[in-house]
Amino acid sequence: MHSTLSIYSKITFSGTIMINSEVMHL
């Protein structure tokens, strides 16, 4: 369960970076 939470955090962190880069690009 801890590993699943870690993976979820990685995905969320990557998604946040993608959203931020898109906003900055616009």
N, C-alpha and C. Protein backbone atom coordinates (compact mmCIF):
# COMPACT_ATOMS: atom_id res chain seq x y z
N MET A 1 0.84 -1.20 0.00
CA MET A 1 0.00 0.00 0.00
C MET A 1 0.88 1.25 0.00
N HIS A 2 1.98 1.20 0.72
CA HIS A 2 2.87 2.36 0.75
C HIS A 2 3.45 2.61 -0.63
N SER A 3 3.80 1.54 -1.35
CA SER A 3 4.37 1.70 -2.69
C SER A 3 3.34 2.30 -3.62
N THR A 4 2.06 1.89 -3.46
CA THR A 4 1.00 2.44 -4.32
C THR A 4 0.87 3.93 -4.09
N LEU A 5 0.94 4.36 -2.84
CA LEU A 5 0.84 5.78 -2.52
C LEU A 5 2.01 6.53 -3.13
N SER A 6 3.19 5.90 -3.10
CA SER A 6 4.38 6.54 -3.67
C SER A 6 4.20 6.73 -5.17
N ILE A 7 3.70 5.70 -5.84
CA ILE A 7 3.49 5.79 -7.29
C ILE A 7 2.46 6.88 -7.59
N TYR A 8 1.38 6.90 -6.82
CA TYR A 8 0.34 7.91 -7.02
C TYR A 8 0.92 9.31 -6.85
N SER A 9 1.78 9.47 -5.86
CA SER A 9 2.39 10.78 -5.63
C SER A 9 3.26 11.16 -6.81
N LYS A 10 4.00 10.18 -7.37
CA LYS A 10 4.85 10.46 -8.53
C LYS A 10 4.00 10.93 -9.69
N ILE A 11 2.89 10.22 -9.95
CA ILE A 11 2.02 10.58 -11.07
C ILE A 11 1.44 11.97 -10.86
N THR A 12 0.99 12.24 -9.64
CA THR A 12 0.39 13.54 -9.35
C THR A 12 1.44 14.64 -9.52
N PHE A 13 2.66 14.39 -9.03
CA PHE A 13 3.73 15.38 -9.13
C PHE A 13 4.04 15.65 -10.60
N SER A 14 4.12 14.58 -11.42
CA SER A 14 4.40 14.74 -12.85
C SER A 14 3.28 15.50 -13.51
N GLY A 15 2.03 15.19 -13.15
CA GLY A 15 0.88 15.88 -13.73
C GLY A 15 0.92 17.36 -13.39
N THR A 16 1.31 17.68 -12.16
CA THR A 16 1.37 19.09 -11.75
C THR A 16 2.42 19.82 -12.56
N ILE A 17 3.57 19.19 -12.79
CA ILE A 17 4.63 19.83 -13.58
C ILE A 17 4.13 20.06 -15.01
N MET A 18 3.44 19.08 -15.58
CA MET A 18 2.93 19.21 -16.94
C MET A 18 1.96 20.37 -17.02
N ILE A 19 1.05 20.47 -16.04
CA ILE A 19 0.06 21.56 -16.04
C ILE A 19 0.77 22.91 -15.90
N ASN A 20 1.74 22.98 -15.01
CA ASN A 20 2.46 24.24 -14.80
C ASN A 20 3.20 24.64 -16.07
N SER A 21 3.85 23.68 -16.74
CA SER A 21 4.59 24.00 -17.96
C SER A 21 3.63 24.46 -19.05
N GLU A 22 2.44 23.86 -19.11
CA GLU A 22 1.45 24.27 -20.13
C GLU A 22 1.00 25.70 -19.85
N VAL A 23 0.71 26.00 -18.58
CA VAL A 23 0.27 27.35 -18.23
C VAL A 23 1.36 28.36 -18.55
N MET A 24 2.60 28.03 -18.23
CA MET A 24 3.70 28.96 -18.50
C MET A 24 3.88 29.11 -20.01
N HIS A 25 3.66 28.03 -20.76
CA HIS A 25 3.80 28.09 -22.22
C HIS A 25 2.75 29.03 -22.81
N LEU A 26 1.53 28.98 -22.23
CA LEU A 26 0.48 29.87 -22.73
C LEU A 26 0.80 31.30 -22.32
